[in-house]
Amino acid sequence: MDLLVNIWQELSQYSIPEMIAVLASLSYVILATRENRACWPAAIMGSGIYVVVFFQYQLYMDSVLSVFYVAMAIYGWFTWKTAREQSTTARHIPAVKIHCWSKQTHVYGLLAVALLTLSSGSYLTNNTDAAFPYLDSLTTWSSLFATWMVVNKVLENWLYWIAIDALSLYLYINKALFFTSALFALYIIIAGYGYWHWRQRWQAQQQEY
């Protein structure tokens, strides 16, 4: 019963800007799975709104993360230019191709995420009123790492997103951000599809070269 009351309160307070952020963010992920460059303008819109939303809910690391998302979306827009846009050739070929990282690179990345999580989590615990400081820090730094992988078309990014989205889902449910929680539940499914689709494209690339 309490859950239904919380959902109703969330629905009654949900603003048009937040709804736009949800739809824009969902559009970003769907377009990214298709390697569609239009994903980046959608990311700029959704993340720009979420900067304010997460700050209001005391999720400060997520608010900072959204600022980073805007910056990375701008970078991604230019990085995902096709070879046709960058040259005079007629072929419409992605300039950045899907590829895999070595195990060593993943280990180094995860160690960096762990250290940054402990550092920022400790700071937030001792100096702010942040909710879930360590979990918020973990999802934030992991998302930074995974977003860099998306921009550079690293295949394994989708596996990271499945884990990150699951942790974020728990976080947002506890903060009564139910629409955002629903968005992240969809993200988990879409990330699974993204991995399957990118893997198919990657395997096709291996046969071409």
N, C-alpha and C. Protein backbone atom coordinates (compact mmCIF):
# COMPACT_ATOMS: atom_id res chain seq x y z
N MET A 1 0.83 -1.21 0.00
CA MET A 1 0.00 0.00 0.00
C MET A 1 0.86 1.26 0.00
N ASP A 2 1.88 1.25 0.84
CA ASP A 2 2.80 2.40 0.89
C ASP A 2 3.48 2.63 -0.45
N LEU A 3 3.80 1.52 -1.14
CA LEU A 3 4.44 1.63 -2.44
C LEU A 3 3.52 2.33 -3.44
N LEU A 4 2.23 1.98 -3.41
CA LEU A 4 1.27 2.60 -4.32
C LEU A 4 1.11 4.08 -4.03
N VAL A 5 1.13 4.43 -2.74
CA VAL A 5 1.04 5.84 -2.35
C VAL A 5 2.25 6.60 -2.86
N ASN A 6 3.44 5.99 -2.71
CA ASN A 6 4.67 6.64 -3.18
C ASN A 6 4.66 6.83 -4.70
N ILE A 7 4.15 5.82 -5.41
CA ILE A 7 4.07 5.91 -6.86
C ILE A 7 3.13 7.04 -7.26
N TRP A 8 1.98 7.11 -6.58
CA TRP A 8 1.03 8.18 -6.89
C TRP A 8 1.62 9.54 -6.63
N GLN A 9 2.33 9.69 -5.52
CA GLN A 9 2.97 10.97 -5.21
C GLN A 9 4.01 11.32 -6.26
N GLU A 10 4.75 10.32 -6.71
CA GLU A 10 5.75 10.56 -7.76
C GLU A 10 5.08 10.99 -9.05
N LEU A 11 3.99 10.33 -9.41
CA LEU A 11 3.28 10.68 -10.63
C LEU A 11 2.71 12.09 -10.57
N SER A 12 2.17 12.45 -9.41
CA SER A 12 1.54 13.76 -9.27
C SER A 12 2.56 14.89 -9.30
N GLN A 13 3.81 14.59 -8.91
CA GLN A 13 4.85 15.62 -8.86
C GLN A 13 5.73 15.61 -10.12
N TYR A 14 5.52 14.63 -10.95
CA TYR A 14 6.41 14.47 -12.10
C TYR A 14 6.20 15.62 -13.08
N SER A 15 7.25 16.29 -13.46
CA SER A 15 7.17 17.47 -14.30
C SER A 15 7.41 17.12 -15.76
N ILE A 16 6.96 18.00 -16.61
CA ILE A 16 7.16 17.81 -18.05
C ILE A 16 8.65 17.72 -18.40
N PRO A 17 9.52 18.58 -17.82
CA PRO A 17 10.95 18.44 -18.13
C PRO A 17 11.52 17.07 -17.80
N GLU A 18 11.09 16.49 -16.66
CA GLU A 18 11.59 15.17 -16.29
C GLU A 18 11.11 14.11 -17.29
N MET A 19 9.85 14.25 -17.73
CA MET A 19 9.32 13.30 -18.70
C MET A 19 10.10 13.39 -20.02
N ILE A 20 10.45 14.61 -20.39
CA ILE A 20 11.26 14.81 -21.60
C ILE A 20 12.62 14.15 -21.42
N ALA A 21 13.21 14.29 -20.21
CA ALA A 21 14.52 13.69 -19.94
C ALA A 21 14.45 12.18 -20.07
N VAL A 22 13.38 11.57 -19.56
CA VAL A 22 13.22 10.12 -19.65
C VAL A 22 13.12 9.69 -21.11
N LEU A 23 12.27 10.36 -21.88
CA LEU A 23 12.08 10.00 -23.29
C LEU A 23 13.35 10.22 -24.11
N ALA A 24 14.04 11.34 -23.82
CA ALA A 24 15.28 11.63 -24.55
C ALA A 24 16.36 10.61 -24.22
N SER A 25 16.46 10.23 -22.94
CA SER A 25 17.47 9.25 -22.52
C SER A 25 17.18 7.88 -23.12
N LEU A 26 15.90 7.53 -23.17
CA LEU A 26 15.52 6.25 -23.77
C LEU A 26 15.85 6.25 -25.27
N SER A 27 15.58 7.37 -25.91
CA SER A 27 15.89 7.50 -27.34
C SER A 27 17.39 7.35 -27.58
N TYR A 28 18.18 7.95 -26.69
CA TYR A 28 19.64 7.86 -26.81
C TYR A 28 20.11 6.40 -26.82
N VAL A 29 19.65 5.63 -25.85
CA VAL A 29 20.13 4.25 -25.73
C VAL A 29 19.69 3.42 -26.93
N ILE A 30 18.44 3.58 -27.35
CA ILE A 30 17.94 2.81 -28.50
C ILE A 30 18.74 3.15 -29.75
N LEU A 31 18.97 4.44 -29.98
CA LEU A 31 19.73 4.86 -31.16
C LEU A 31 21.19 4.39 -31.08
N ALA A 32 21.75 4.40 -29.85
CA ALA A 32 23.14 3.96 -29.69
C ALA A 32 23.30 2.49 -30.04
N THR A 33 22.29 1.67 -29.71
CA THR A 33 22.38 0.24 -30.06
C THR A 33 22.45 0.04 -31.56
N ARG A 34 21.90 1.00 -32.31
CA ARG A 34 21.89 0.91 -33.77
C ARG A 34 23.05 1.65 -34.40
N GLU A 35 23.97 2.14 -33.57
CA GLU A 35 25.10 2.94 -34.05
C GLU A 35 24.64 4.19 -34.82
N ASN A 36 23.52 4.74 -34.39
CA ASN A 36 22.95 5.91 -35.05
C ASN A 36 23.49 7.17 -34.37
N ARG A 37 24.12 8.03 -35.14
CA ARG A 37 24.75 9.22 -34.59
C ARG A 37 23.76 10.17 -33.94
N ALA A 38 22.48 10.06 -34.28
CA ALA A 38 21.45 10.91 -33.70
C ALA A 38 21.27 10.66 -32.20
N CYS A 39 21.90 9.61 -31.69
CA CYS A 39 21.79 9.31 -30.26
C CYS A 39 22.39 10.43 -29.41
N TRP A 40 23.39 11.13 -29.95
CA TRP A 40 24.11 12.11 -29.13
C TRP A 40 23.30 13.38 -28.85
N PRO A 41 22.55 13.96 -29.82
CA PRO A 41 21.68 15.08 -29.46
C PRO A 41 20.64 14.70 -28.41
N ALA A 42 20.11 13.46 -28.52
CA ALA A 42 19.14 13.00 -27.52
C ALA A 42 19.80 12.91 -26.14
N ALA A 43 21.06 12.46 -26.11
CA ALA A 43 21.78 12.37 -24.85
C ALA A 43 22.02 13.75 -24.24
N ILE A 44 22.31 14.72 -25.07
CA ILE A 44 22.53 16.08 -24.58
C ILE A 44 21.27 16.63 -23.92
N MET A 45 20.13 16.40 -24.55
CA MET A 45 18.87 16.89 -24.00
C MET A 45 18.53 16.20 -22.68
N GLY A 46 18.56 14.86 -22.68
CA GLY A 46 18.20 14.13 -21.47
C GLY A 46 19.13 14.39 -20.31
N SER A 47 20.42 14.37 -20.57
CA SER A 47 21.40 14.57 -19.50
C SER A 47 21.37 15.99 -18.97
N GLY A 48 21.13 16.95 -19.85
CA GLY A 48 21.06 18.34 -19.41
C GLY A 48 19.95 18.56 -18.39
N ILE A 49 18.82 17.92 -18.60
CA ILE A 49 17.71 18.04 -17.65
C ILE A 49 18.01 17.29 -16.37
N TYR A 50 18.63 16.12 -16.49
CA TYR A 50 18.93 15.31 -15.31
C TYR A 50 19.96 15.94 -14.38
N VAL A 51 20.75 16.87 -14.87
CA VAL A 51 21.68 17.59 -14.00
C VAL A 51 20.90 18.20 -12.83
N VAL A 52 19.78 18.82 -13.14
CA VAL A 52 18.95 19.49 -12.13
C VAL A 52 18.16 18.47 -11.30
N VAL A 53 17.57 17.49 -11.98
CA VAL A 53 16.72 16.50 -11.30
C VAL A 53 17.49 15.76 -10.21
N PHE A 54 18.66 15.25 -10.54
CA PHE A 54 19.43 14.47 -9.57
C PHE A 54 19.93 15.34 -8.43
N PHE A 55 20.26 16.57 -8.71
CA PHE A 55 20.71 17.47 -7.64
C PHE A 55 19.58 17.70 -6.65
N GLN A 56 18.37 17.84 -7.14
CA GLN A 56 17.21 18.05 -6.27
C GLN A 56 16.96 16.85 -5.36
N TYR A 57 17.32 15.65 -5.83
CA TYR A 57 17.12 14.44 -5.05
C TYR A 57 18.37 14.02 -4.27
N GLN A 58 19.30 14.92 -4.11
CA GLN A 58 20.54 14.73 -3.34
C GLN A 58 21.43 13.61 -3.89
N LEU A 59 21.29 13.35 -5.16
CA LEU A 59 22.16 12.38 -5.83
C LEU A 59 23.24 13.19 -6.56
N TYR A 60 24.16 13.74 -5.79
CA TYR A 60 25.10 14.72 -6.31
C TYR A 60 26.06 14.14 -7.34
N MET A 61 26.50 12.91 -7.11
CA MET A 61 27.41 12.29 -8.07
C MET A 61 26.71 12.05 -9.40
N ASP A 62 25.42 11.67 -9.34
CA ASP A 62 24.67 11.47 -10.58
C ASP A 62 24.46 12.80 -11.31
N SER A 63 24.31 13.87 -10.54
CA SER A 63 24.17 15.19 -11.14
C SER A 63 25.45 15.58 -11.88
N VAL A 64 26.59 15.34 -11.23
CA VAL A 64 27.88 15.61 -11.87
C VAL A 64 28.06 14.71 -13.09
N LEU A 65 27.63 13.46 -12.96
CA LEU A 65 27.73 12.51 -14.07
C LEU A 65 26.97 13.01 -15.29
N SER A 66 25.81 13.62 -15.05
CA SER A 66 25.00 14.12 -16.16
C SER A 66 25.71 15.25 -16.90
N VAL A 67 26.47 16.06 -16.15
CA VAL A 67 27.27 17.11 -16.80
C VAL A 67 28.30 16.45 -17.73
N PHE A 68 28.94 15.39 -17.23
CA PHE A 68 29.92 14.66 -18.03
C PHE A 68 29.25 14.06 -19.27
N TYR A 69 28.02 13.53 -19.10
CA TYR A 69 27.31 12.95 -20.23
C TYR A 69 27.10 13.97 -21.35
N VAL A 70 26.77 15.20 -20.97
CA VAL A 70 26.58 16.25 -21.97
C VAL A 70 27.88 16.48 -22.74
N ALA A 71 28.99 16.57 -22.00
CA ALA A 71 30.29 16.79 -22.64
C ALA A 71 30.65 15.61 -23.55
N MET A 72 30.42 14.39 -23.07
CA MET A 72 30.76 13.21 -23.86
C MET A 72 29.85 13.08 -25.08
N ALA A 73 28.61 13.53 -24.95
CA ALA A 73 27.69 13.48 -26.09
C ALA A 73 28.17 14.41 -27.20
N ILE A 74 28.68 15.57 -26.82
CA ILE A 74 29.23 16.49 -27.81
C ILE A 74 30.44 15.85 -28.49
N TYR A 75 31.31 15.23 -27.67
CA TYR A 75 32.48 14.54 -28.21
C TYR A 75 32.06 13.37 -29.11
N GLY A 76 31.05 12.63 -28.66
CA GLY A 76 30.57 11.49 -29.43
C GLY A 76 29.99 11.90 -30.77
N TRP A 77 29.33 13.05 -30.81
CA TRP A 77 28.77 13.54 -32.06
C TRP A 77 29.84 13.70 -33.14
N PHE A 78 30.99 14.21 -32.74
CA PHE A 78 32.08 14.41 -33.70
C PHE A 78 32.84 13.10 -33.97
N THR A 79 32.96 12.26 -32.92
CA THR A 79 33.70 11.00 -33.07
C THR A 79 32.97 10.02 -33.99
N TRP A 80 31.65 10.03 -33.95
CA TRP A 80 30.87 9.07 -34.73
C TRP A 80 30.60 9.52 -36.17
N LYS A 81 31.31 10.52 -36.64
CA LYS A 81 31.18 10.88 -38.04
C LYS A 81 31.53 9.68 -38.91
N THR A 82 30.87 9.57 -40.02
CA THR A 82 31.18 8.46 -40.92
C THR A 82 32.38 8.80 -41.78
N ALA A 83 32.97 7.79 -42.36
CA ALA A 83 34.10 8.01 -43.26
C ALA A 83 33.69 8.87 -44.44
N ARG A 84 32.43 8.77 -44.85
CA ARG A 84 31.94 9.57 -45.97
C ARG A 84 31.95 11.05 -45.61
N GLU A 85 31.60 11.37 -44.36
CA GLU A 85 31.59 12.76 -43.92
C GLU A 85 32.99 13.31 -43.75
N GLN A 86 33.95 12.43 -43.50
CA GLN A 86 35.31 12.87 -43.25
C GLN A 86 36.19 12.84 -44.50
N SER A 87 35.67 12.35 -45.59
CA SER A 87 36.47 12.27 -46.81
C SER A 87 35.58 12.47 -48.02
N THR A 88 36.16 12.34 -49.20
CA THR A 88 35.39 12.52 -50.43
C THR A 88 34.91 11.19 -51.00
N THR A 89 35.14 10.12 -50.29
CA THR A 89 34.71 8.80 -50.78
C THR A 89 33.20 8.68 -50.69
N ALA A 90 32.62 7.80 -51.47
CA ALA A 90 31.16 7.66 -51.52
C ALA A 90 30.63 6.67 -50.50
N ARG A 91 31.46 5.81 -49.98
CA ARG A 91 31.00 4.77 -49.06
C ARG A 91 30.62 5.36 -47.70
N HIS A 92 29.49 4.89 -47.16
CA HIS A 92 29.00 5.37 -45.86
C HIS A 92 29.48 4.38 -44.78
N ILE A 93 30.71 4.55 -44.34
CA ILE A 93 31.35 3.62 -43.42
C ILE A 93 31.62 4.30 -42.09
N PRO A 94 31.27 3.67 -40.94
CA PRO A 94 31.60 4.29 -39.64
C PRO A 94 33.09 4.53 -39.52
N ALA A 95 33.46 5.75 -39.11
CA ALA A 95 34.87 6.07 -38.94
C ALA A 95 35.46 5.33 -37.75
N VAL A 96 34.65 5.10 -36.72
CA VAL A 96 35.07 4.34 -35.55
C VAL A 96 34.38 2.99 -35.60
N LYS A 97 35.14 1.91 -35.63
CA LYS A 97 34.57 0.58 -35.74
C LYS A 97 34.47 -0.09 -34.37
N ILE A 98 33.51 -0.98 -34.24
CA ILE A 98 33.34 -1.75 -33.01
C ILE A 98 34.56 -2.63 -32.80
N HIS A 99 35.08 -2.63 -31.58
CA HIS A 99 36.25 -3.46 -31.28
C HIS A 99 36.20 -3.89 -29.81
N CYS A 100 37.09 -4.77 -29.42
CA CYS A 100 37.16 -5.28 -28.05
C CYS A 100 38.42 -4.80 -27.36
N TRP A 101 38.34 -4.67 -26.05
CA TRP A 101 39.51 -4.33 -25.25
C TRP A 101 40.15 -5.60 -24.69
N SER A 102 41.42 -5.52 -24.37
CA SER A 102 42.11 -6.65 -23.74
C SER A 102 41.66 -6.79 -22.28
N LYS A 103 41.86 -7.96 -21.71
CA LYS A 103 41.51 -8.19 -20.32
C LYS A 103 42.27 -7.24 -19.40
N GLN A 104 43.51 -6.98 -19.74
CA GLN A 104 44.35 -6.08 -18.94
C GLN A 104 43.75 -4.67 -18.88
N THR A 105 43.25 -4.20 -20.01
CA THR A 105 42.64 -2.87 -20.05
C THR A 105 41.42 -2.82 -19.16
N HIS A 106 40.61 -3.87 -19.19
CA HIS A 106 39.42 -3.92 -18.34
C HIS A 106 39.81 -3.92 -16.86
N VAL A 107 40.83 -4.68 -16.51
CA VAL A 107 41.27 -4.75 -15.11
C VAL A 107 41.74 -3.38 -14.63
N TYR A 108 42.52 -2.71 -15.43
CA TYR A 108 42.99 -1.36 -15.07
C TYR A 108 41.82 -0.40 -14.90
N GLY A 109 40.86 -0.50 -15.80
CA GLY A 109 39.69 0.37 -15.72
C GLY A 109 38.88 0.13 -14.46
N LEU A 110 38.69 -1.14 -14.11
CA LEU A 110 37.90 -1.48 -12.92
C LEU A 110 38.62 -1.09 -11.64
N LEU A 111 39.93 -1.20 -11.63
CA LEU A 111 40.70 -0.76 -10.46
C LEU A 111 40.57 0.75 -10.27
N ALA A 112 40.61 1.48 -11.36
CA ALA A 112 40.46 2.93 -11.28
C ALA A 112 39.06 3.29 -10.76
N VAL A 113 38.05 2.58 -11.24
CA VAL A 113 36.67 2.81 -10.78
C VAL A 113 36.56 2.55 -9.28
N ALA A 114 37.17 1.46 -8.81
CA ALA A 114 37.11 1.10 -7.39
C ALA A 114 37.77 2.17 -6.52
N LEU A 115 38.94 2.63 -6.92
CA LEU A 115 39.65 3.65 -6.14
C LEU A 115 38.89 4.97 -6.11
N LEU A 116 38.36 5.38 -7.24
CA LEU A 116 37.60 6.62 -7.31
C LEU A 116 36.31 6.52 -6.50
N THR A 117 35.69 5.33 -6.51
CA THR A 117 34.47 5.12 -5.73
C THR A 117 34.74 5.26 -4.24
N LEU A 118 35.80 4.65 -3.76
CA LEU A 118 36.15 4.75 -2.34
C LEU A 118 36.47 6.19 -1.95
N SER A 119 37.16 6.89 -2.82
CA SER A 119 37.56 8.26 -2.54
C SER A 119 36.36 9.20 -2.48
N SER A 120 35.54 9.19 -3.51
CA SER A 120 34.39 10.10 -3.55
C SER A 120 33.32 9.68 -2.55
N GLY A 121 33.15 8.37 -2.34
CA GLY A 121 32.18 7.90 -1.37
C GLY A 121 32.52 8.36 0.04
N SER A 122 33.81 8.31 0.37
CA SER A 122 34.26 8.78 1.68
C SER A 122 34.05 10.28 1.84
N TYR A 123 34.35 11.02 0.79
CA TYR A 123 34.18 12.48 0.84
C TYR A 123 32.71 12.84 1.03
N LEU A 124 31.83 12.21 0.26
CA LEU A 124 30.40 12.51 0.35
C LEU A 124 29.84 12.14 1.71
N THR A 125 30.32 11.03 2.28
CA THR A 125 29.85 10.59 3.59
C THR A 125 30.20 11.60 4.67
N ASN A 126 31.40 12.13 4.61
CA ASN A 126 31.90 13.00 5.68
C ASN A 126 31.59 14.49 5.48
N ASN A 127 31.22 14.88 4.26
CA ASN A 127 31.09 16.31 4.00
C ASN A 127 29.75 16.75 3.40
N THR A 128 28.88 15.81 3.08
CA THR A 128 27.60 16.19 2.48
C THR A 128 26.46 15.37 3.09
N ASP A 129 25.24 15.70 2.64
CA ASP A 129 24.07 14.93 3.06
C ASP A 129 23.64 13.97 1.94
N ALA A 130 24.59 13.56 1.14
CA ALA A 130 24.31 12.71 -0.02
C ALA A 130 23.64 11.40 0.40
N ALA A 131 22.66 11.00 -0.41
CA ALA A 131 22.00 9.71 -0.19
C ALA A 131 22.81 8.62 -0.90
N PHE A 132 23.02 7.49 -0.21
CA PHE A 132 23.77 6.36 -0.77
C PHE A 132 25.10 6.80 -1.38
N PRO A 133 25.97 7.42 -0.60
CA PRO A 133 27.20 8.00 -1.16
C PRO A 133 28.09 7.00 -1.90
N TYR A 134 28.25 5.79 -1.37
CA TYR A 134 29.14 4.83 -2.04
C TYR A 134 28.49 4.21 -3.28
N LEU A 135 27.21 3.88 -3.17
CA LEU A 135 26.52 3.32 -4.33
C LEU A 135 26.38 4.36 -5.43
N ASP A 136 26.07 5.59 -5.05
CA ASP A 136 25.99 6.68 -6.01
C ASP A 136 27.34 6.89 -6.70
N SER A 137 28.41 6.81 -5.91
CA SER A 137 29.75 6.97 -6.46
C SER A 137 30.10 5.82 -7.42
N LEU A 138 29.75 4.59 -7.02
CA LEU A 138 30.05 3.43 -7.85
C LEU A 138 29.35 3.52 -9.20
N THR A 139 28.06 3.83 -9.19
CA THR A 139 27.34 3.92 -10.46
C THR A 139 27.85 5.08 -11.31
N THR A 140 28.27 6.15 -10.64
CA THR A 140 28.77 7.31 -11.37
C THR A 140 30.08 7.01 -12.08
N TRP A 141 31.08 6.53 -11.33
CA TRP A 141 32.38 6.27 -11.94
C TRP A 141 32.31 5.13 -12.95
N SER A 142 31.48 4.12 -12.67
CA SER A 142 31.30 3.03 -13.63
C SER A 142 30.68 3.54 -14.92
N SER A 143 29.73 4.46 -14.77
CA SER A 143 29.07 5.03 -15.95
C SER A 143 30.03 5.88 -16.78
N LEU A 144 30.91 6.60 -16.09
CA LEU A 144 31.92 7.37 -16.80
C LEU A 144 32.78 6.44 -17.66
N PHE A 145 33.20 5.35 -17.05
CA PHE A 145 34.03 4.36 -17.73
C PHE A 145 33.29 3.76 -18.92
N ALA A 146 32.03 3.37 -18.69
CA ALA A 146 31.25 2.71 -19.74
C ALA A 146 30.89 3.69 -20.86
N THR A 147 30.65 4.96 -20.51
CA THR A 147 30.34 5.95 -21.54
C THR A 147 31.52 6.18 -22.47
N TRP A 148 32.73 6.21 -21.89
CA TRP A 148 33.93 6.33 -22.71
C TRP A 148 34.03 5.15 -23.68
N MET A 149 33.62 3.97 -23.20
CA MET A 149 33.64 2.79 -24.05
C MET A 149 32.62 2.91 -25.19
N VAL A 150 31.44 3.48 -24.89
CA VAL A 150 30.42 3.67 -25.93
C VAL A 150 30.94 4.59 -27.02
N VAL A 151 31.49 5.74 -26.59
CA VAL A 151 31.99 6.73 -27.55
C VAL A 151 33.03 6.11 -28.48
N ASN A 152 33.86 5.23 -27.92
CA ASN A 152 34.92 4.59 -28.71
C ASN A 152 34.51 3.23 -29.28
N LYS A 153 33.22 2.91 -29.13
CA LYS A 153 32.64 1.69 -29.70
C LYS A 153 33.35 0.41 -29.25
N VAL A 154 33.54 0.30 -27.94
CA VAL A 154 34.09 -0.93 -27.35
C VAL A 154 32.93 -1.87 -27.08
N LEU A 155 32.95 -3.05 -27.66
CA LEU A 155 31.84 -3.99 -27.60
C LEU A 155 31.35 -4.26 -26.18
N GLU A 156 32.29 -4.45 -25.25
CA GLU A 156 31.92 -4.88 -23.89
C GLU A 156 31.18 -3.81 -23.09
N ASN A 157 31.05 -2.60 -23.63
CA ASN A 157 30.36 -1.55 -22.87
C ASN A 157 28.97 -1.97 -22.43
N TRP A 158 28.28 -2.74 -23.28
CA TRP A 158 26.90 -3.13 -22.97
C TRP A 158 26.83 -4.08 -21.78
N LEU A 159 27.85 -4.89 -21.58
CA LEU A 159 27.88 -5.77 -20.41
C LEU A 159 28.02 -4.95 -19.13
N TYR A 160 28.85 -3.92 -19.19
CA TYR A 160 28.98 -3.01 -18.04
C TYR A 160 27.65 -2.32 -17.76
N TRP A 161 26.98 -1.89 -18.83
CA TRP A 161 25.73 -1.16 -18.62
C TRP A 161 24.65 -2.03 -17.98
N ILE A 162 24.63 -3.31 -18.27
CA ILE A 162 23.65 -4.20 -17.64
C ILE A 162 23.82 -4.17 -16.13
N ALA A 163 25.07 -4.28 -15.65
CA ALA A 163 25.34 -4.25 -14.21
C ALA A 163 25.07 -2.86 -13.63
N ILE A 164 25.51 -1.82 -14.33
CA ILE A 164 25.32 -0.45 -13.83
C ILE A 164 23.84 -0.11 -13.74
N ASP A 165 23.08 -0.48 -14.76
CA ASP A 165 21.65 -0.17 -14.76
C ASP A 165 20.91 -0.91 -13.67
N ALA A 166 21.33 -2.12 -13.36
CA ALA A 166 20.70 -2.89 -12.28
C ALA A 166 20.94 -2.20 -10.93
N LEU A 167 22.16 -1.73 -10.69
CA LEU A 167 22.47 -1.02 -9.45
C LEU A 167 21.73 0.32 -9.39
N SER A 168 21.66 1.01 -10.52
CA SER A 168 20.96 2.29 -10.58
C SER A 168 19.46 2.10 -10.35
N LEU A 169 18.92 1.01 -10.84
CA LEU A 169 17.50 0.71 -10.63
C LEU A 169 17.19 0.63 -9.13
N TYR A 170 18.03 -0.08 -8.40
CA TYR A 170 17.87 -0.18 -6.95
C TYR A 170 17.96 1.20 -6.29
N LEU A 171 18.91 2.00 -6.75
CA LEU A 171 19.13 3.32 -6.18
C LEU A 171 17.93 4.22 -6.39
N TYR A 172 17.38 4.25 -7.59
CA TYR A 172 16.28 5.16 -7.89
C TYR A 172 14.96 4.71 -7.29
N ILE A 173 14.77 3.40 -7.14
CA ILE A 173 13.58 2.91 -6.44
C ILE A 173 13.60 3.39 -5.00
N ASN A 174 14.76 3.33 -4.36
CA ASN A 174 14.88 3.78 -2.98
C ASN A 174 14.71 5.29 -2.82
N LYS A 175 14.94 6.05 -3.88
CA LYS A 175 14.72 7.49 -3.86
C LYS A 175 13.35 7.87 -4.42
N ALA A 176 12.50 6.85 -4.66
CA ALA A 176 11.13 7.06 -5.15
C ALA A 176 11.08 7.77 -6.51
N LEU A 177 12.12 7.58 -7.31
CA LEU A 177 12.12 8.09 -8.68
C LEU A 177 11.60 6.98 -9.60
N PHE A 178 10.30 6.78 -9.57
CA PHE A 178 9.74 5.58 -10.18
C PHE A 178 9.77 5.60 -11.71
N PHE A 179 9.55 6.76 -12.32
CA PHE A 179 9.66 6.81 -13.77
C PHE A 179 11.09 6.56 -14.22
N THR A 180 12.02 7.14 -13.50
CA THR A 180 13.42 6.91 -13.83
C THR A 180 13.78 5.44 -13.57
N SER A 181 13.20 4.84 -12.54
CA SER A 181 13.42 3.42 -12.26
C SER A 181 12.92 2.57 -13.42
N ALA A 182 11.75 2.91 -13.93
CA ALA A 182 11.20 2.18 -15.08
C ALA A 182 12.11 2.33 -16.29
N LEU A 183 12.65 3.54 -16.45
CA LEU A 183 13.58 3.79 -17.55
C LEU A 183 14.79 2.88 -17.45
N PHE A 184 15.35 2.73 -16.24
CA PHE A 184 16.54 1.90 -16.08
C PHE A 184 16.23 0.42 -16.20
N ALA A 185 15.01 0.02 -15.87
CA ALA A 185 14.61 -1.37 -16.11
C ALA A 185 14.62 -1.65 -17.61
N LEU A 186 14.13 -0.68 -18.39
CA LEU A 186 14.18 -0.82 -19.85
C LEU A 186 15.62 -0.81 -20.35
N TYR A 187 16.45 0.02 -19.71
CA TYR A 187 17.85 0.08 -20.10
C TYR A 187 18.52 -1.30 -20.04
N ILE A 188 18.19 -2.08 -19.01
CA ILE A 188 18.80 -3.40 -18.85
C ILE A 188 18.48 -4.28 -20.07
N ILE A 189 17.22 -4.23 -20.49
CA ILE A 189 16.79 -5.02 -21.65
C ILE A 189 17.47 -4.51 -22.92
N ILE A 190 17.49 -3.18 -23.07
CA ILE A 190 18.08 -2.59 -24.27
C ILE A 190 19.58 -2.85 -24.33
N ALA A 191 20.25 -2.81 -23.16
CA ALA A 191 21.69 -3.09 -23.13
C ALA A 191 21.97 -4.52 -23.59
N GLY A 192 21.10 -5.44 -23.20
CA GLY A 192 21.25 -6.82 -23.66
C GLY A 192 21.14 -6.91 -25.18
N TYR A 193 20.17 -6.18 -25.72
CA TYR A 193 20.01 -6.14 -27.17
C TYR A 193 21.22 -5.45 -27.82
N GLY A 194 21.68 -4.37 -27.19
CA GLY A 194 22.82 -3.63 -27.72
C GLY A 194 24.05 -4.50 -27.85
N TYR A 195 24.28 -5.33 -26.82
CA TYR A 195 25.43 -6.23 -26.88
C TYR A 195 25.27 -7.23 -28.01
N TRP A 196 24.09 -7.80 -28.15
CA TRP A 196 23.84 -8.79 -29.21
C TRP A 196 24.03 -8.16 -30.58
N HIS A 197 23.46 -6.97 -30.79
CA HIS A 197 23.53 -6.32 -32.10
C HIS A 197 24.95 -5.88 -32.43
N TRP A 198 25.64 -5.27 -31.46
CA TRP A 198 27.03 -4.85 -31.71
C TRP A 198 27.93 -6.04 -31.96
N ARG A 199 27.67 -7.15 -31.27
CA ARG A 199 28.49 -8.34 -31.48
C ARG A 199 28.29 -8.87 -32.90
N GLN A 200 27.05 -8.82 -33.37
CA GLN A 200 26.78 -9.24 -34.75
C GLN A 200 27.54 -8.36 -35.74
N ARG A 201 27.54 -7.05 -35.49
CA ARG A 201 28.25 -6.12 -36.37
C ARG A 201 29.76 -6.34 -36.29
N TRP A 202 30.24 -6.59 -35.07
CA TRP A 202 31.68 -6.83 -34.88
C TRP A 202 32.13 -8.09 -35.61
N GLN A 203 31.33 -9.15 -35.50
CA GLN A 203 31.67 -10.40 -36.19
C GLN A 203 31.65 -10.21 -37.71
N ALA A 204 30.73 -9.39 -38.18
CA ALA A 204 30.68 -9.12 -39.63
C ALA A 204 31.92 -8.35 -40.07
N GLN A 205 32.38 -7.43 -39.22
CA GLN A 205 33.59 -6.67 -39.53
C GLN A 205 34.80 -7.59 -39.63
N GLN A 206 34.86 -8.60 -38.73
CA GLN A 206 36.01 -9.52 -38.74
C GLN A 206 36.09 -10.29 -40.04
N GLN A 207 34.93 -10.57 -40.64
CA GLN A 207 34.91 -11.33 -41.90
C GLN A 207 35.28 -10.45 -43.10
N GLU A 208 35.06 -9.11 -42.93
CA GLU A 208 35.37 -8.19 -44.02
C GLU A 208 36.85 -7.88 -44.14
N TYR A 209 37.57 -7.93 -42.99
CA TYR A 209 38.97 -7.49 -42.99
C TYR A 209 39.90 -8.62 -42.62
